[in-house]
Amino acid sequence: MASNRHLGRIISLQSLYEYEFRSKAGDPDAEIDKIVAKNIIPYEKALGDTEFVYRLTRSVVEHIPELDEALAPLAPEWPIASIASIDRNVLRMGLYELKYSEESVPPKVAINEAVELAKAFGSENSSKFINGVLGTAFRNLGFADSEHVNHDTEPISESSVPEAESSVDASGNESESSGSPSETI
């Protein structure tokens, strides 16, 4: 059985995905709290701490513009709008937890949870892409420096962040990327 927080992140991702989809479709009833409440119902007993799901989901929604702006330079080959909705929301959740939840969620855990969500719900290359982007955020935010890391955990190792893969585009030009997100909605 999934841990309570892992299950909570799954529900949060499901809610963020639904919220984004309904908002883009112009649904005037797309309210994040109503969506979360509906999505929690089947898992309420197993979840226990429903407030974690509400808090994480609301916080990500409130910070979407800021998170998207911060993500843009971390994946310059992939404009945020062209990243698959699942991957985009996993990145938002992971970056939010890295930036704002250091006290309650160690950085390594935030990245690992995002990678696990990408493996479960993303495309074949999603987990590599998520790991690469959040690994870069980890280093850029200064977590690689030992004084900024929660000392109860070890910092993410360089080996867990994939090296850029070389690929050839349609024009025959060689480029580097750390995986590719799946297609957008």
N, C-alpha and C. Protein backbone atom coordinates (compact mmCIF):
# COMPACT_ATOMS: atom_id res chain seq x y z
N MET A 1 0.84 -1.18 0.00
CA MET A 1 0.00 0.00 0.00
C MET A 1 0.89 1.25 0.00
N ALA A 2 0.48 2.25 -0.74
CA ALA A 2 1.25 3.50 -0.83
C ALA A 2 1.23 4.22 0.51
N SER A 3 2.33 4.91 0.81
CA SER A 3 2.36 5.70 2.04
C SER A 3 1.32 6.80 1.94
N ASN A 4 0.91 7.34 3.06
CA ASN A 4 -0.11 8.37 3.06
C ASN A 4 0.29 9.58 2.23
N ARG A 5 1.50 10.04 2.37
CA ARG A 5 1.93 11.21 1.60
C ARG A 5 2.08 10.87 0.12
N HIS A 6 2.53 9.69 -0.20
CA HIS A 6 2.63 9.30 -1.61
C HIS A 6 1.23 9.26 -2.24
N LEU A 7 0.30 8.64 -1.55
CA LEU A 7 -1.08 8.62 -2.02
C LEU A 7 -1.63 10.04 -2.12
N GLY A 8 -1.29 10.87 -1.16
CA GLY A 8 -1.72 12.28 -1.20
C GLY A 8 -1.19 13.00 -2.42
N ARG A 9 0.05 12.72 -2.80
CA ARG A 9 0.63 13.35 -4.00
C ARG A 9 -0.06 12.84 -5.27
N ILE A 10 -0.43 11.58 -5.27
CA ILE A 10 -1.16 11.03 -6.42
C ILE A 10 -2.49 11.76 -6.58
N ILE A 11 -3.21 11.94 -5.48
CA ILE A 11 -4.49 12.65 -5.52
C ILE A 11 -4.28 14.11 -5.92
N SER A 12 -3.23 14.72 -5.42
CA SER A 12 -2.92 16.10 -5.78
C SER A 12 -2.64 16.22 -7.27
N LEU A 13 -1.84 15.29 -7.82
CA LEU A 13 -1.53 15.30 -9.25
C LEU A 13 -2.81 15.11 -10.07
N GLN A 14 -3.63 14.17 -9.67
CA GLN A 14 -4.90 13.94 -10.36
C GLN A 14 -5.75 15.21 -10.34
N SER A 15 -5.79 15.88 -9.22
CA SER A 15 -6.59 17.10 -9.07
C SER A 15 -6.03 18.25 -9.90
N LEU A 16 -4.71 18.41 -9.90
CA LEU A 16 -4.08 19.46 -10.70
C LEU A 16 -4.30 19.23 -12.19
N TYR A 17 -4.21 17.98 -12.61
CA TYR A 17 -4.44 17.63 -14.00
C TYR A 17 -5.87 17.98 -14.40
N GLU A 18 -6.82 17.56 -13.58
CA GLU A 18 -8.23 17.84 -13.87
C GLU A 18 -8.51 19.35 -13.85
N TYR A 19 -7.96 20.04 -12.88
CA TYR A 19 -8.16 21.49 -12.77
C TYR A 19 -7.62 22.20 -14.02
N GLU A 20 -6.42 21.84 -14.43
CA GLU A 20 -5.83 22.47 -15.61
C GLU A 20 -6.66 22.18 -16.86
N PHE A 21 -7.06 20.94 -17.02
CA PHE A 21 -7.84 20.55 -18.19
C PHE A 21 -9.18 21.30 -18.24
N ARG A 22 -9.87 21.31 -17.11
CA ARG A 22 -11.18 21.98 -17.06
C ARG A 22 -11.04 23.49 -17.21
N SER A 23 -10.01 24.07 -16.63
CA SER A 23 -9.79 25.52 -16.76
C SER A 23 -9.52 25.90 -18.20
N LYS A 24 -8.67 25.13 -18.88
CA LYS A 24 -8.37 25.40 -20.29
C LYS A 24 -9.60 25.25 -21.17
N ALA A 25 -10.51 24.38 -20.77
CA ALA A 25 -11.74 24.15 -21.53
C ALA A 25 -12.78 25.22 -21.24
N GLY A 26 -12.48 26.12 -20.29
CA GLY A 26 -13.40 27.21 -19.97
C GLY A 26 -14.50 26.82 -18.99
N ASP A 27 -14.31 25.74 -18.24
CA ASP A 27 -15.31 25.30 -17.26
C ASP A 27 -15.37 26.28 -16.10
N PRO A 28 -16.49 27.00 -15.93
CA PRO A 28 -16.59 27.97 -14.84
C PRO A 28 -16.67 27.31 -13.46
N ASP A 29 -16.94 26.00 -13.42
CA ASP A 29 -17.05 25.28 -12.14
C ASP A 29 -15.75 24.61 -11.73
N ALA A 30 -14.67 24.90 -12.42
CA ALA A 30 -13.37 24.29 -12.09
C ALA A 30 -12.78 24.99 -10.87
N GLU A 31 -13.15 24.51 -9.70
CA GLU A 31 -12.62 25.05 -8.44
C GLU A 31 -11.76 23.98 -7.80
N ILE A 32 -10.55 24.33 -7.47
CA ILE A 32 -9.59 23.34 -7.01
C ILE A 32 -10.04 22.62 -5.75
N ASP A 33 -10.64 23.31 -4.79
CA ASP A 33 -11.08 22.64 -3.56
C ASP A 33 -12.17 21.61 -3.83
N LYS A 34 -13.09 21.91 -4.74
CA LYS A 34 -14.15 20.95 -5.09
C LYS A 34 -13.57 19.74 -5.81
N ILE A 35 -12.60 19.99 -6.67
CA ILE A 35 -11.96 18.89 -7.40
C ILE A 35 -11.21 17.98 -6.43
N VAL A 36 -10.46 18.58 -5.51
CA VAL A 36 -9.72 17.78 -4.52
C VAL A 36 -10.68 16.98 -3.66
N ALA A 37 -11.75 17.62 -3.19
CA ALA A 37 -12.72 16.94 -2.34
C ALA A 37 -13.30 15.72 -3.04
N LYS A 38 -13.64 15.85 -4.31
CA LYS A 38 -14.19 14.74 -5.09
C LYS A 38 -13.16 13.63 -5.25
N ASN A 39 -11.91 14.00 -5.50
CA ASN A 39 -10.87 13.01 -5.74
C ASN A 39 -10.40 12.30 -4.46
N ILE A 40 -10.58 12.92 -3.33
CA ILE A 40 -10.17 12.32 -2.05
C ILE A 40 -11.14 11.23 -1.60
N ILE A 41 -12.41 11.39 -1.91
CA ILE A 41 -13.46 10.50 -1.37
C ILE A 41 -13.11 9.02 -1.44
N PRO A 42 -12.69 8.48 -2.58
CA PRO A 42 -12.41 7.03 -2.61
C PRO A 42 -11.23 6.58 -1.74
N TYR A 43 -10.38 7.50 -1.35
CA TYR A 43 -9.15 7.14 -0.64
C TYR A 43 -9.08 7.70 0.78
N GLU A 44 -10.15 8.31 1.24
CA GLU A 44 -10.13 9.05 2.50
C GLU A 44 -9.61 8.23 3.68
N LYS A 45 -10.07 6.97 3.82
CA LYS A 45 -9.62 6.14 4.95
C LYS A 45 -8.14 5.81 4.84
N ALA A 46 -7.69 5.44 3.66
CA ALA A 46 -6.28 5.07 3.47
C ALA A 46 -5.38 6.29 3.58
N LEU A 47 -5.89 7.44 3.20
CA LEU A 47 -5.09 8.66 3.17
C LEU A 47 -4.83 9.21 4.56
N GLY A 48 -5.85 9.30 5.37
CA GLY A 48 -5.69 9.86 6.71
C GLY A 48 -5.58 11.38 6.70
N ASP A 49 -4.40 11.91 6.38
CA ASP A 49 -4.13 13.35 6.42
C ASP A 49 -4.58 14.02 5.12
N THR A 50 -5.86 14.37 5.06
CA THR A 50 -6.38 15.02 3.85
C THR A 50 -5.88 16.45 3.72
N GLU A 51 -5.54 17.07 4.82
CA GLU A 51 -5.07 18.46 4.77
C GLU A 51 -3.79 18.59 3.96
N PHE A 52 -2.93 17.58 3.98
CA PHE A 52 -1.71 17.60 3.17
C PHE A 52 -2.06 17.76 1.69
N VAL A 53 -3.06 17.03 1.22
CA VAL A 53 -3.46 17.09 -0.18
C VAL A 53 -4.00 18.48 -0.52
N TYR A 54 -4.89 18.99 0.32
CA TYR A 54 -5.45 20.33 0.07
C TYR A 54 -4.35 21.38 0.06
N ARG A 55 -3.47 21.33 1.05
CA ARG A 55 -2.41 22.33 1.18
C ARG A 55 -1.47 22.30 -0.03
N LEU A 56 -1.01 21.10 -0.40
CA LEU A 56 -0.10 20.98 -1.53
C LEU A 56 -0.77 21.45 -2.82
N THR A 57 -1.97 21.00 -3.06
CA THR A 57 -2.66 21.32 -4.31
C THR A 57 -2.98 22.81 -4.40
N ARG A 58 -3.52 23.37 -3.34
CA ARG A 58 -3.82 24.82 -3.33
C ARG A 58 -2.54 25.62 -3.55
N SER A 59 -1.48 25.23 -2.88
CA SER A 59 -0.22 25.97 -2.96
C SER A 59 0.36 25.93 -4.37
N VAL A 60 0.31 24.78 -5.01
CA VAL A 60 0.81 24.69 -6.37
C VAL A 60 -0.03 25.58 -7.28
N VAL A 61 -1.35 25.54 -7.16
CA VAL A 61 -2.22 26.37 -8.00
C VAL A 61 -1.92 27.85 -7.78
N GLU A 62 -1.74 28.26 -6.53
CA GLU A 62 -1.45 29.67 -6.22
C GLU A 62 -0.11 30.12 -6.80
N HIS A 63 0.82 29.20 -6.96
CA HIS A 63 2.16 29.54 -7.43
C HIS A 63 2.43 29.17 -8.90
N ILE A 64 1.41 28.78 -9.65
CA ILE A 64 1.63 28.33 -11.03
C ILE A 64 2.45 29.32 -11.86
N PRO A 65 2.11 30.61 -11.90
CA PRO A 65 2.91 31.51 -12.73
C PRO A 65 4.39 31.55 -12.32
N GLU A 66 4.62 31.61 -11.02
CA GLU A 66 6.00 31.65 -10.50
C GLU A 66 6.74 30.34 -10.78
N LEU A 67 6.07 29.21 -10.59
CA LEU A 67 6.70 27.91 -10.83
C LEU A 67 7.02 27.74 -12.31
N ASP A 68 6.07 28.12 -13.18
CA ASP A 68 6.31 28.01 -14.62
C ASP A 68 7.47 28.89 -15.05
N GLU A 69 7.55 30.07 -14.49
CA GLU A 69 8.66 30.98 -14.81
C GLU A 69 10.00 30.38 -14.37
N ALA A 70 10.01 29.76 -13.20
CA ALA A 70 11.24 29.14 -12.69
C ALA A 70 11.61 27.89 -13.48
N LEU A 71 10.61 27.18 -14.00
CA LEU A 71 10.88 25.96 -14.75
C LEU A 71 11.42 26.24 -16.15
N ALA A 72 11.03 27.35 -16.74
CA ALA A 72 11.41 27.66 -18.13
C ALA A 72 12.92 27.55 -18.40
N PRO A 73 13.77 28.16 -17.59
CA PRO A 73 15.21 28.05 -17.88
C PRO A 73 15.80 26.68 -17.52
N LEU A 74 15.06 25.88 -16.75
CA LEU A 74 15.56 24.57 -16.36
C LEU A 74 15.40 23.54 -17.48
N ALA A 75 14.48 23.82 -18.42
CA ALA A 75 14.25 22.95 -19.57
C ALA A 75 14.08 23.83 -20.80
N PRO A 76 15.16 24.51 -21.21
CA PRO A 76 15.04 25.50 -22.28
C PRO A 76 14.59 24.93 -23.63
N GLU A 77 14.83 23.66 -23.87
CA GLU A 77 14.41 23.03 -25.13
C GLU A 77 12.91 22.72 -25.14
N TRP A 78 12.28 22.81 -23.98
CA TRP A 78 10.87 22.44 -23.85
C TRP A 78 10.08 23.57 -23.21
N PRO A 79 9.46 24.43 -24.01
CA PRO A 79 8.61 25.47 -23.44
C PRO A 79 7.53 24.83 -22.57
N ILE A 80 7.22 25.47 -21.46
CA ILE A 80 6.31 24.88 -20.48
C ILE A 80 4.97 24.48 -21.10
N ALA A 81 4.48 25.24 -22.05
CA ALA A 81 3.19 24.93 -22.68
C ALA A 81 3.27 23.68 -23.55
N SER A 82 4.46 23.29 -24.00
CA SER A 82 4.59 22.12 -24.86
C SER A 82 4.87 20.84 -24.08
N ILE A 83 5.09 20.96 -22.78
CA ILE A 83 5.31 19.78 -21.94
C ILE A 83 3.94 19.16 -21.64
N ALA A 84 3.87 17.86 -21.68
CA ALA A 84 2.61 17.15 -21.39
C ALA A 84 2.05 17.61 -20.04
N SER A 85 0.76 17.69 -19.96
CA SER A 85 0.10 18.18 -18.75
C SER A 85 0.51 17.41 -17.50
N ILE A 86 0.58 16.09 -17.59
CA ILE A 86 1.00 15.30 -16.43
C ILE A 86 2.41 15.70 -16.02
N ASP A 87 3.34 15.74 -16.97
CA ASP A 87 4.72 16.10 -16.67
C ASP A 87 4.82 17.51 -16.12
N ARG A 88 4.08 18.43 -16.71
CA ARG A 88 4.10 19.82 -16.26
C ARG A 88 3.64 19.92 -14.81
N ASN A 89 2.58 19.20 -14.46
CA ASN A 89 2.09 19.25 -13.09
C ASN A 89 2.98 18.51 -12.11
N VAL A 90 3.62 17.45 -12.54
CA VAL A 90 4.61 16.77 -11.68
C VAL A 90 5.78 17.73 -11.42
N LEU A 91 6.24 18.42 -12.45
CA LEU A 91 7.32 19.39 -12.28
C LEU A 91 6.91 20.50 -11.32
N ARG A 92 5.71 21.02 -11.47
CA ARG A 92 5.23 22.08 -10.57
C ARG A 92 5.20 21.60 -9.13
N MET A 93 4.67 20.39 -8.91
CA MET A 93 4.62 19.85 -7.55
C MET A 93 6.02 19.66 -6.99
N GLY A 94 6.89 19.06 -7.77
CA GLY A 94 8.26 18.81 -7.30
C GLY A 94 9.00 20.10 -7.00
N LEU A 95 8.89 21.07 -7.90
CA LEU A 95 9.57 22.35 -7.68
C LEU A 95 8.98 23.09 -6.49
N TYR A 96 7.66 23.03 -6.34
CA TYR A 96 7.04 23.66 -5.17
C TYR A 96 7.60 23.05 -3.88
N GLU A 97 7.64 21.72 -3.83
CA GLU A 97 8.16 21.08 -2.62
C GLU A 97 9.63 21.38 -2.40
N LEU A 98 10.41 21.47 -3.47
CA LEU A 98 11.83 21.83 -3.32
C LEU A 98 11.99 23.24 -2.76
N LYS A 99 11.23 24.18 -3.30
CA LYS A 99 11.39 25.59 -2.93
C LYS A 99 10.75 25.96 -1.59
N TYR A 100 9.60 25.37 -1.30
CA TYR A 100 8.81 25.87 -0.17
C TYR A 100 8.57 24.86 0.95
N SER A 101 8.93 23.63 0.77
CA SER A 101 8.62 22.62 1.79
C SER A 101 9.86 21.95 2.36
N GLU A 102 10.99 22.64 2.30
CA GLU A 102 12.24 22.04 2.76
C GLU A 102 12.16 21.56 4.21
N GLU A 103 11.43 22.29 5.05
CA GLU A 103 11.33 21.90 6.46
C GLU A 103 10.59 20.58 6.66
N SER A 104 9.54 20.34 5.85
CA SER A 104 8.74 19.13 6.04
C SER A 104 9.03 18.04 5.01
N VAL A 105 9.64 18.41 3.88
CA VAL A 105 9.96 17.44 2.83
C VAL A 105 11.41 17.64 2.41
N PRO A 106 12.29 16.71 2.76
CA PRO A 106 13.68 16.85 2.33
C PRO A 106 13.77 16.92 0.80
N PRO A 107 14.68 17.71 0.27
CA PRO A 107 14.79 17.86 -1.18
C PRO A 107 14.89 16.55 -1.94
N LYS A 108 15.67 15.62 -1.42
CA LYS A 108 15.82 14.32 -2.10
C LYS A 108 14.48 13.59 -2.19
N VAL A 109 13.68 13.70 -1.16
CA VAL A 109 12.36 13.06 -1.15
C VAL A 109 11.44 13.73 -2.17
N ALA A 110 11.48 15.06 -2.24
CA ALA A 110 10.65 15.78 -3.21
C ALA A 110 10.96 15.33 -4.64
N ILE A 111 12.24 15.19 -4.95
CA ILE A 111 12.64 14.76 -6.29
C ILE A 111 12.24 13.31 -6.52
N ASN A 112 12.51 12.45 -5.56
CA ASN A 112 12.17 11.04 -5.71
C ASN A 112 10.67 10.84 -5.89
N GLU A 113 9.87 11.55 -5.12
CA GLU A 113 8.42 11.43 -5.26
C GLU A 113 7.96 11.89 -6.64
N ALA A 114 8.53 12.97 -7.14
CA ALA A 114 8.17 13.47 -8.47
C ALA A 114 8.55 12.44 -9.54
N VAL A 115 9.72 11.84 -9.41
CA VAL A 115 10.16 10.83 -10.36
C VAL A 115 9.22 9.62 -10.32
N GLU A 116 8.82 9.21 -9.14
CA GLU A 116 7.90 8.07 -9.01
C GLU A 116 6.54 8.38 -9.63
N LEU A 117 6.05 9.60 -9.46
CA LEU A 117 4.79 10.00 -10.11
C LEU A 117 4.94 9.97 -11.62
N ALA A 118 6.07 10.44 -12.12
CA ALA A 118 6.33 10.44 -13.56
C ALA A 118 6.39 9.00 -14.09
N LYS A 119 7.01 8.10 -13.35
CA LYS A 119 7.06 6.70 -13.78
C LYS A 119 5.67 6.09 -13.85
N ALA A 120 4.83 6.43 -12.87
CA ALA A 120 3.50 5.84 -12.80
C ALA A 120 2.51 6.44 -13.80
N PHE A 121 2.62 7.75 -14.05
CA PHE A 121 1.58 8.43 -14.82
C PHE A 121 2.06 9.10 -16.11
N GLY A 122 3.36 9.21 -16.28
CA GLY A 122 3.90 9.88 -17.46
C GLY A 122 4.23 8.90 -18.57
N SER A 123 4.91 9.42 -19.56
CA SER A 123 5.32 8.59 -20.70
C SER A 123 6.62 7.86 -20.38
N GLU A 124 7.13 7.17 -21.37
CA GLU A 124 8.33 6.36 -21.19
C GLU A 124 9.53 7.17 -20.70
N ASN A 125 9.71 8.39 -21.21
CA ASN A 125 10.87 9.21 -20.84
C ASN A 125 10.58 10.24 -19.75
N SER A 126 9.36 10.27 -19.26
CA SER A 126 8.97 11.29 -18.29
C SER A 126 9.84 11.30 -17.03
N SER A 127 10.12 10.12 -16.49
CA SER A 127 10.87 10.08 -15.23
C SER A 127 12.28 10.64 -15.41
N LYS A 128 12.91 10.36 -16.54
CA LYS A 128 14.25 10.90 -16.81
C LYS A 128 14.19 12.42 -16.96
N PHE A 129 13.19 12.88 -17.67
CA PHE A 129 13.01 14.32 -17.88
C PHE A 129 12.77 15.03 -16.55
N ILE A 130 11.86 14.51 -15.75
CA ILE A 130 11.54 15.10 -14.44
C ILE A 130 12.77 15.10 -13.55
N ASN A 131 13.49 13.99 -13.51
CA ASN A 131 14.70 13.90 -12.69
C ASN A 131 15.75 14.92 -13.13
N GLY A 132 15.93 15.05 -14.44
CA GLY A 132 16.91 16.01 -14.96
C GLY A 132 16.56 17.44 -14.61
N VAL A 133 15.29 17.82 -14.82
CA VAL A 133 14.86 19.20 -14.55
C VAL A 133 14.93 19.49 -13.05
N LEU A 134 14.39 18.61 -12.23
CA LEU A 134 14.40 18.86 -10.78
C LEU A 134 15.81 18.72 -10.19
N GLY A 135 16.64 17.87 -10.79
CA GLY A 135 18.05 17.79 -10.36
C GLY A 135 18.77 19.10 -10.61
N THR A 136 18.48 19.74 -11.75
CA THR A 136 19.05 21.06 -12.05
C THR A 136 18.53 22.09 -11.06
N ALA A 137 17.23 22.04 -10.77
CA ALA A 137 16.65 22.97 -9.78
C ALA A 137 17.31 22.76 -8.42
N PHE A 138 17.53 21.52 -8.05
CA PHE A 138 18.18 21.17 -6.79
C PHE A 138 19.54 21.86 -6.69
N ARG A 139 20.33 21.75 -7.74
CA ARG A 139 21.65 22.39 -7.74
C ARG A 139 21.53 23.91 -7.79
N ASN A 140 20.64 24.43 -8.62
CA ASN A 140 20.48 25.88 -8.74
C ASN A 140 19.97 26.54 -7.46
N LEU A 141 19.17 25.81 -6.69
CA LEU A 141 18.65 26.34 -5.44
C LEU A 141 19.67 26.23 -4.30
N GLY A 142 20.80 25.63 -4.57
CA GLY A 142 21.86 25.55 -3.58
C GLY A 142 21.76 24.37 -2.65
N PHE A 143 20.89 23.40 -2.94
CA PHE A 143 20.78 22.24 -2.06
C PHE A 143 21.97 21.32 -2.15
N ALA A 144 22.74 21.43 -3.21
CA ALA A 144 23.93 20.60 -3.34
C ALA A 144 25.00 21.00 -2.32
N ASP A 145 24.88 22.23 -1.79
CA ASP A 145 25.79 22.68 -0.73
C ASP A 145 25.34 22.05 0.58
N SER A 146 26.23 21.42 1.28
CA SER A 146 25.86 20.66 2.47
C SER A 146 25.17 21.50 3.54
N GLU A 147 25.43 22.80 3.63
CA GLU A 147 24.79 23.58 4.69
C GLU A 147 23.31 23.83 4.43
N HIS A 148 22.83 23.59 3.19
CA HIS A 148 21.42 23.82 2.87
C HIS A 148 20.59 22.54 2.88
N VAL A 149 21.23 21.40 3.08
CA VAL A 149 20.52 20.14 3.02
C VAL A 149 20.11 19.72 4.42
N ASN A 150 18.90 19.19 4.55
CA ASN A 150 18.44 18.61 5.79
C ASN A 150 19.42 17.48 6.13
N HIS A 151 20.05 17.55 7.25
CA HIS A 151 21.12 16.62 7.58
C HIS A 151 20.63 15.23 7.95
N ASP A 152 19.29 15.04 8.02
CA ASP A 152 18.75 13.71 8.26
C ASP A 152 18.73 12.88 6.98
N THR A 153 18.97 13.52 5.83
CA THR A 153 18.98 12.81 4.56
C THR A 153 20.26 13.17 3.83
N GLU A 154 20.58 12.40 2.84
CA GLU A 154 21.74 12.71 2.02
C GLU A 154 21.28 13.46 0.79
N PRO A 155 22.09 14.39 0.30
CA PRO A 155 21.69 15.11 -0.91
C PRO A 155 21.65 14.17 -2.10
N ILE A 156 20.89 14.56 -3.10
CA ILE A 156 20.81 13.78 -4.33
C ILE A 156 22.20 13.72 -4.94
N SER A 157 22.56 12.55 -5.41
CA SER A 157 23.90 12.41 -5.99
C SER A 157 23.87 12.81 -7.45
N GLU A 158 25.01 13.23 -7.94
CA GLU A 158 25.13 13.62 -9.33
C GLU A 158 24.75 12.45 -10.24
N SER A 159 25.02 11.21 -9.79
CA SER A 159 24.74 10.06 -10.64
C SER A 159 23.25 9.81 -10.80
N SER A 160 22.41 10.34 -9.91
CA SER A 160 20.98 10.12 -10.05
C SER A 160 20.33 11.12 -11.00
N VAL A 161 21.06 12.15 -11.40
CA VAL A 161 20.57 13.09 -12.39
C VAL A 161 21.16 12.68 -13.72
N PRO A 162 20.30 12.35 -14.71
CA PRO A 162 20.84 11.84 -15.96
C PRO A 162 21.66 12.88 -16.71
N GLU A 163 22.68 12.38 -17.37
CA GLU A 163 23.47 13.25 -18.24
C GLU A 163 22.63 13.58 -19.45
N ALA A 164 22.92 14.71 -20.06
CA ALA A 164 22.19 15.08 -21.26
C ALA A 164 22.46 14.05 -22.34
N GLU A 165 21.41 13.68 -23.05
CA GLU A 165 21.54 12.72 -24.13
C GLU A 165 21.66 13.48 -25.43
N SER A 166 22.53 13.04 -26.28
CA SER A 166 22.70 13.67 -27.57
C SER A 166 21.68 13.08 -28.54
N SER A 167 21.03 13.92 -29.33
CA SER A 167 20.09 13.44 -30.32
C SER A 167 20.21 14.29 -31.57
N VAL A 168 19.68 13.77 -32.64
CA VAL A 168 19.71 14.48 -33.90
C VAL A 168 18.30 14.88 -34.25
N ASP A 169 18.08 16.17 -34.53
CA ASP A 169 16.73 16.62 -34.86
C ASP A 169 16.44 16.40 -36.34
N ALA A 170 15.23 16.81 -36.77
CA ALA A 170 14.81 16.58 -38.15
C ALA A 170 15.72 17.26 -39.16
N SER A 171 16.42 18.31 -38.76
CA SER A 171 17.33 19.02 -39.66
C SER A 171 18.71 18.39 -39.71
N GLY A 172 18.93 17.37 -38.90
CA GLY A 172 20.23 16.72 -38.86
C GLY A 172 21.19 17.37 -37.89
N ASN A 173 20.70 18.34 -37.09
CA ASN A 173 21.55 19.01 -36.11
C ASN A 173 21.57 18.21 -34.81
N GLU A 174 22.74 18.11 -34.23
CA GLU A 174 22.86 17.40 -32.96
C GLU A 174 22.50 18.34 -31.84
N SER A 175 21.70 17.86 -30.89
CA SER A 175 21.31 18.67 -29.74
C SER A 175 21.38 17.81 -28.51
N GLU A 176 21.33 18.44 -27.34
CA GLU A 176 21.33 17.71 -26.08
C GLU A 176 20.03 17.93 -25.37
N SER A 177 19.54 16.89 -24.71
CA SER A 177 18.36 17.01 -23.86
C SER A 177 18.47 15.98 -22.77
N SER A 178 17.69 16.13 -21.73
CA SER A 178 17.70 15.17 -20.64
C SER A 178 16.41 14.36 -20.69
N GLY A 179 16.07 13.85 -21.83
CA GLY A 179 14.83 13.13 -22.01
C GLY A 179 13.84 14.05 -22.68
N SER A 180 12.73 13.52 -23.07
CA SER A 180 11.74 14.36 -23.72
C SER A 180 10.39 14.12 -23.10
N PRO A 181 9.67 15.19 -22.87
CA PRO A 181 8.35 15.02 -22.31
C PRO A 181 7.42 14.46 -23.37
N SER A 182 6.38 13.80 -22.89
CA SER A 182 5.42 13.25 -23.84
C SER A 182 4.58 14.36 -24.45
N GLU A 183 3.74 14.01 -25.40
CA GLU A 183 2.97 15.00 -26.11
C GLU A 183 1.99 15.70 -25.18
N THR A 184 1.63 16.93 -25.55
CA THR A 184 0.68 17.68 -24.75
C THR A 184 -0.73 17.25 -25.07
N ILE A 185 -1.65 17.68 -24.24
CA ILE A 185 -3.06 17.33 -24.43
C ILE A 185 -3.57 17.87 -25.75
